[in-house]
Amino acid sequence: MTRSQPIYRTNSTDLQFHEEDQKDADIVFRDMYNIFKERAFYLKEHQNHTDGKLKPRVRLMRKTLSDSQGLQISCLATGFYPRHINLTLFRDGQPVEDDLITGGQILPNGDGTYQMRKSLVISEEELREEHKYNCTMKHLNLETKLDIQYGKEKKKKCHNRFNNKNIFISL
């Protein structure tokens, strides 16, 4: 028995089709390679950025509420790493009950750091009572807790660009 015919037959259109498939596959694999290369670079840079510990920046903000005739104070800690943080709002030296606070979730920033915001709505009646409010934050990168106050007794004054109100920071 002689083999005069190949086991696999192809014609010129099949060969042309396979060449086009090969070109498409080359493009796809080249694109995938470039994407993986970029991701690997990003992950390496991200790891270098977050290997250290980053201290949080903290702001106590005030927003006047039109519907309830009160205001909302928010304590925002942002730019910290690692993600574990303790942020507490106080009224007259006592922690505000959790059911009165909104927020509190730790959320990622786009740069590998994290943020947390806690807010409290203060009614007109509570405003007349002139309670003292403060936000206390503890983070791994701070040797002591950071205390930011809103109320009558303040130690250090700084200007808040939000609503042109004053915010006072105690360190």
C-alpha atoms as a PDB file:
ATOM      1  CA  MET A   1       0.000   0.000   0.000  1.00  0.00           C
ATOM      2  CA  THR A   2       1.440   3.302  -1.004  1.00  0.00           C
ATOM      3  CA  ARG A   3       0.460   6.666   0.280  1.00  0.00           C
ATOM      4  CA  SER A   4       0.142   9.035  -2.545  1.00  0.00           C
ATOM      5  CA  GLN A   5      -2.356  11.369  -0.990  1.00  0.00           C
ATOM      6  CA  PRO A   6      -1.834  13.430   2.183  1.00  0.00           C
ATOM      7  CA  ILE A   7      -3.910  12.557   5.214  1.00  0.00           C
ATOM      8  CA  TYR A   8      -5.043  16.159   5.567  1.00  0.00           C
ATOM      9  CA  ARG A   9      -6.211  18.062   2.574  1.00  0.00           C
ATOM     10  CA  THR A  10      -6.508  21.783   2.285  1.00  0.00           C
ATOM     11  CA  ASN A  11      -7.242  24.185  -0.453  1.00  0.00           C
ATOM     12  CA  SER A  12      -6.085  27.767  -0.895  1.00  0.00           C
ATOM     13  CA  THR A  13      -9.214  29.287   0.708  1.00  0.00           C
ATOM     14  CA  ASP A  14      -8.737  27.147   3.842  1.00  0.00           C
ATOM     15  CA  LEU A  15      -5.118  28.224   4.033  1.00  0.00           C
ATOM     16  CA  GLN A  16      -6.090  31.885   3.633  1.00  0.00           C
ATOM     17  CA  PHE A  17      -8.722  31.493   6.352  1.00  0.00           C
ATOM     18  CA  HIS A  18      -6.167  29.969   8.746  1.00  0.00           C
ATOM     19  CA  GLU A  19      -3.692  32.782   8.050  1.00  0.00           C
ATOM     20  CA  GLU A  20      -6.352  35.385   8.930  1.00  0.00           C
ATOM     21  CA  ASP A  21      -7.181  33.480  12.116  1.00  0.00           C
ATOM     22  CA  GLN A  22      -3.495  33.409  12.990  1.00  0.00           C
ATOM     23  CA  LYS A  23      -3.197  37.176  12.470  1.00  0.00           C
ATOM     24  CA  ASP A  24      -6.259  37.788  14.661  1.00  0.00           C
ATOM     25  CA  ALA A  25      -4.888  35.474  17.338  1.00  0.00           C
ATOM     26  CA  ASP A  26      -1.525  37.255  17.224  1.00  0.00           C
ATOM     27  CA  ILE A  27      -3.252  40.607  17.765  1.00  0.00           C
ATOM     28  CA  VAL A  28      -5.322  39.251  20.660  1.00  0.00           C
ATOM     29  CA  PHE A  29      -2.328  37.636  22.361  1.00  0.00           C
ATOM     30  CA  ARG A  30      -0.188  40.754  21.882  1.00  0.00           C
ATOM     31  CA  ASP A  31      -2.951  42.892  23.428  1.00  0.00           C
ATOM     32  CA  MET A  32      -3.344  40.456  26.320  1.00  0.00           C
ATOM     33  CA  TYR A  33       0.414  40.468  26.895  1.00  0.00           C
ATOM     34  CA  ASN A  34       0.476  44.271  26.996  1.00  0.00           C
ATOM     35  CA  ILE A  35      -2.469  44.374  29.408  1.00  0.00           C
ATOM     36  CA  PHE A  36      -0.835  41.841  31.751  1.00  0.00           C
ATOM     37  CA  LYS A  37       2.439  43.744  31.539  1.00  0.00           C
ATOM     38  CA  GLU A  38       0.689  47.012  32.486  1.00  0.00           C
ATOM     39  CA  ARG A  39      -1.189  45.317  35.343  1.00  0.00           C
ATOM     40  CA  ALA A  40       2.004  43.770  36.688  1.00  0.00           C
ATOM     41  CA  PHE A  41       3.673  47.200  36.639  1.00  0.00           C
ATOM     42  CA  TYR A  42       0.659  48.783  38.356  1.00  0.00           C
ATOM     43  CA  LEU A  43       0.564  46.089  41.047  1.00  0.00           C
ATOM     44  CA  LYS A  44       4.280  46.452  41.691  1.00  0.00           C
ATOM     45  CA  GLU A  45       3.957  50.240  41.996  1.00  0.00           C
ATOM     46  CA  HIS A  46       0.827  49.869  44.145  1.00  0.00           C
ATOM     47  CA  GLN A  47       2.612  47.442  46.441  1.00  0.00           C
ATOM     48  CA  ASN A  48       5.548  49.819  46.823  1.00  0.00           C
ATOM     49  CA  HIS A  49       3.144  52.662  47.579  1.00  0.00           C
ATOM     50  CA  THR A  50       1.233  50.804  50.273  1.00  0.00           C
ATOM     51  CA  ASP A  51       4.062  48.826  51.871  1.00  0.00           C
ATOM     52  CA  GLY A  52       4.504  51.758  54.200  1.00  0.00           C
ATOM     53  CA  LYS A  53       1.937  53.140  56.528  1.00  0.00           C
ATOM     54  CA  LEU A  54       0.119  56.315  55.595  1.00  0.00           C
ATOM     55  CA  LYS A  55      -1.369  58.626  58.206  1.00  0.00           C
ATOM     56  CA  PRO A  56      -4.968  59.736  57.764  1.00  0.00           C
ATOM     57  CA  ARG A  57      -6.037  63.285  57.030  1.00  0.00           C
ATOM     58  CA  VAL A  58      -9.091  64.194  59.097  1.00  0.00           C
ATOM     59  CA  ARG A  59     -11.738  66.864  58.530  1.00  0.00           C
ATOM     60  CA  LEU A  60     -14.798  67.793  60.530  1.00  0.00           C
ATOM     61  CA  MET A  61     -17.320  69.348  58.167  1.00  0.00           C
ATOM     62  CA  ARG A  62     -20.588  71.146  58.776  1.00  0.00           C
ATOM     63  CA  LYS A  63     -23.499  71.284  56.347  1.00  0.00           C
ATOM     64  CA  THR A  64     -26.697  73.256  56.924  1.00  0.00           C
ATOM     65  CA  LEU A  65     -29.807  71.217  56.142  1.00  0.00           C
ATOM     66  CA  SER A  66     -32.629  73.170  54.556  1.00  0.00           C
ATOM     67  CA  ASP A  67     -35.416  70.628  55.065  1.00  0.00           C
ATOM     68  CA  SER A  68     -34.973  69.891  58.771  1.00  0.00           C
ATOM     69  CA  GLN A  69     -33.759  73.319  59.904  1.00  0.00           C
ATOM     70  CA  GLY A  70     -30.739  71.643  61.464  1.00  0.00           C
ATOM     71  CA  LEU A  71     -27.263  70.779  60.393  1.00  0.00           C
ATOM     72  CA  GLN A  72     -25.131  67.766  59.710  1.00  0.00           C
ATOM     73  CA  ILE A  73     -21.602  67.339  60.967  1.00  0.00           C
ATOM     74  CA  SER A  74     -19.388  64.798  59.262  1.00  0.00           C
ATOM     75  CA  CYS A  75     -16.043  63.475  60.326  1.00  0.00           C
ATOM     76  CA  LEU A  76     -13.973  62.313  57.346  1.00  0.00           C
ATOM     77  CA  ALA A  77     -10.702  60.418  57.617  1.00  0.00           C
ATOM     78  CA  THR A  78      -9.005  59.798  54.276  1.00  0.00           C
ATOM     79  CA  GLY A  79      -5.690  58.793  52.751  1.00  0.00           C
ATOM     80  CA  PHE A  80      -4.809  56.158  55.347  1.00  0.00           C
ATOM     81  CA  TYR A  81      -3.219  52.721  55.045  1.00  0.00           C
ATOM     82  CA  PRO A  82      -3.645  50.070  56.344  1.00  0.00           C
ATOM     83  CA  ARG A  83      -7.410  50.106  56.310  1.00  0.00           C
ATOM     84  CA  HIS A  84      -8.117  49.544  60.019  1.00  0.00           C
ATOM     85  CA  ILE A  85      -9.235  52.723  61.780  1.00  0.00           C
ATOM     86  CA  ASN A  86     -11.393  53.732  64.741  1.00  0.00           C
ATOM     87  CA  LEU A  87     -13.478  56.865  64.147  1.00  0.00           C
ATOM     88  CA  THR A  88     -15.880  57.962  66.910  1.00  0.00           C
ATOM     89  CA  LEU A  89     -18.240  60.944  67.183  1.00  0.00           C
ATOM     90  CA  PHE A  90     -18.843  62.368  70.668  1.00  0.00           C
ATOM     91  CA  ARG A  91     -21.468  64.718  72.107  1.00  0.00           C
ATOM     92  CA  ASP A  92     -20.464  66.375  75.382  1.00  0.00           C
ATOM     93  CA  GLY A  93     -17.726  63.790  75.895  1.00  0.00           C
ATOM     94  CA  GLN A  94     -20.013  60.768  75.390  1.00  0.00           C
ATOM     95  CA  PRO A  95     -19.953  58.566  72.273  1.00  0.00           C
ATOM     96  CA  VAL A  96     -22.951  59.204  70.014  1.00  0.00           C
ATOM     97  CA  GLU A  97     -25.185  56.142  69.669  1.00  0.00           C
ATOM     98  CA  ASP A  98     -24.573  54.139  66.485  1.00  0.00           C
ATOM     99  CA  ASP A  99     -28.210  54.337  65.388  1.00  0.00           C
ATOM    100  CA  LEU A 100     -27.903  58.156  65.149  1.00  0.00           C
ATOM    101  CA  ILE A 101     -24.816  57.987  62.911  1.00  0.00           C
ATOM    102  CA  THR A 102     -24.772  57.454  59.159  1.00  0.00           C
ATOM    103  CA  GLY A 103     -21.809  56.107  57.236  1.00  0.00           C
ATOM    104  CA  GLY A 104     -19.004  54.281  58.949  1.00  0.00           C
ATOM    105  CA  GLN A 105     -17.997  52.028  56.074  1.00  0.00           C
ATOM    106  CA  ILE A 106     -14.335  51.886  55.106  1.00  0.00           C
ATOM    107  CA  LEU A 107     -14.133  52.672  51.398  1.00  0.00           C
ATOM    108  CA  PRO A 108     -11.187  52.484  48.998  1.00  0.00           C
ATOM    109  CA  ASN A 109      -9.691  55.575  47.400  1.00  0.00           C
ATOM    110  CA  GLY A 110      -8.304  55.270  43.891  1.00  0.00           C
ATOM    111  CA  ASP A 111      -4.686  55.420  45.074  1.00  0.00           C
ATOM    112  CA  GLY A 112      -4.613  52.337  47.316  1.00  0.00           C
ATOM    113  CA  THR A 113      -5.521  54.212  50.493  1.00  0.00           C
ATOM    114  CA  TYR A 114      -8.832  54.210  52.349  1.00  0.00           C
ATOM    115  CA  GLN A 115     -11.433  56.608  53.714  1.00  0.00           C
ATOM    116  CA  MET A 116     -14.184  56.577  56.318  1.00  0.00           C
ATOM    117  CA  ARG A 117     -16.922  59.117  56.987  1.00  0.00           C
ATOM    118  CA  LYS A 118     -19.331  59.281  59.906  1.00  0.00           C
ATOM    119  CA  SER A 119     -22.126  61.849  59.982  1.00  0.00           C
ATOM    120  CA  LEU A 120     -24.607  63.068  62.571  1.00  0.00           C
ATOM    121  CA  VAL A 121     -27.700  65.216  62.003  1.00  0.00           C
ATOM    122  CA  ILE A 122     -28.151  67.858  64.718  1.00  0.00           C
ATOM    123  CA  SER A 123     -31.627  69.333  65.165  1.00  0.00           C
ATOM    124  CA  GLU A 124     -32.350  73.023  65.789  1.00  0.00           C
ATOM    125  CA  GLU A 125     -33.253  72.161  69.376  1.00  0.00           C
ATOM    126  CA  GLU A 126     -29.915  70.441  69.950  1.00  0.00           C
ATOM    127  CA  LEU A 127     -28.159  73.440  68.416  1.00  0.00           C
ATOM    128  CA  ARG A 128     -29.840  75.744  70.942  1.00  0.00           C
ATOM    129  CA  GLU A 129     -28.593  73.506  73.756  1.00  0.00           C
ATOM    130  CA  GLU A 130     -25.027  74.224  72.589  1.00  0.00           C
ATOM    131  CA  HIS A 131     -23.646  70.724  72.923  1.00  0.00           C
ATOM    132  CA  LYS A 132     -19.961  70.169  72.243  1.00  0.00           C
ATOM    133  CA  TYR A 133     -19.198  67.729  69.429  1.00  0.00           C
ATOM    134  CA  ASN A 134     -15.919  66.114  68.594  1.00  0.00           C
ATOM    135  CA  CYS A 135     -14.505  63.378  66.427  1.00  0.00           C
ATOM    136  CA  THR A 136     -11.787  61.097  67.752  1.00  0.00           C
ATOM    137  CA  MET A 137      -9.681  58.941  65.503  1.00  0.00           C
ATOM    138  CA  LYS A 138      -7.227  56.184  66.299  1.00  0.00           C
ATOM    139  CA  HIS A 139      -5.051  54.645  63.596  1.00  0.00           C
ATOM    140  CA  LEU A 140      -2.045  52.359  63.569  1.00  0.00           C
ATOM    141  CA  ASN A 141       0.154  55.172  62.222  1.00  0.00           C
ATOM    142  CA  LEU A 142      -0.699  57.682  64.938  1.00  0.00           C
ATOM    143  CA  GLU A 143       1.041  57.438  68.283  1.00  0.00           C
ATOM    144  CA  THR A 144      -1.854  59.137  70.032  1.00  0.00           C
ATOM    145  CA  LYS A 145      -5.492  59.633  69.135  1.00  0.00           C
ATOM    146  CA  LEU A 146      -6.459  62.665  67.079  1.00  0.00           C
ATOM    147  CA  ASP A 147      -9.310  64.757  68.457  1.00  0.00           C
ATOM    148  CA  ILE A 148     -11.185  67.328  66.343  1.00  0.00           C
ATOM    149  CA  GLN A 149     -13.764  69.508  68.103  1.00  0.00           C
ATOM    150  CA  TYR A 150     -16.806  71.473  67.017  1.00  0.00           C
ATOM    151  CA  GLY A 151     -18.367  73.715  69.650  1.00  0.00           C
ATOM    152  CA  LYS A 152     -17.648  76.566  72.068  1.00  0.00           C
ATOM    153  CA  GLU A 153     -14.307  75.613  73.661  1.00  0.00           C
ATOM    154  CA  LYS A 154     -11.540  75.347  71.124  1.00  0.00           C
ATOM    155  CA  LYS A 155      -7.783  75.277  71.337  1.00  0.00           C
ATOM    156  CA  LYS A 156      -6.453  75.885  67.845  1.00  0.00           C
ATOM    157  CA  LYS A 157      -8.370  77.630  65.095  1.00  0.00           C
ATOM    158  CA  CYS A 158      -8.213  76.841  61.399  1.00  0.00           C
ATOM    159  CA  HIS A 159     -10.399  78.103  58.575  1.00  0.00           C
ATOM    160  CA  ASN A 160     -12.759  75.671  56.871  1.00  0.00           C
ATOM    161  CA  ARG A 161     -13.380  76.294  53.184  1.00  0.00           C
ATOM    162  CA  PHE A 162     -16.777  74.585  53.437  1.00  0.00           C
ATOM    163  CA  ASN A 163     -19.555  77.092  54.168  1.00  0.00           C
ATOM    164  CA  ASN A 164     -16.967  79.535  55.576  1.00  0.00           C
ATOM    165  CA  LYS A 165     -17.413  78.055  59.048  1.00  0.00           C
ATOM    166  CA  ASN A 166     -14.673  77.559  61.619  1.00  0.00           C
ATOM    167  CA  ILE A 167     -13.370  74.153  62.573  1.00  0.00           C
ATOM    168  CA  PHE A 168     -11.106  73.639  65.533  1.00  0.00           C
ATOM    169  CA  ILE A 169      -8.458  70.980  65.856  1.00  0.00           C
ATOM    170  CA  SER A 170      -6.957  69.780  69.135  1.00  0.00           C
ATOM    171  CA  LEU A 171      -3.739  67.834  68.832  1.00  0.00           C
END
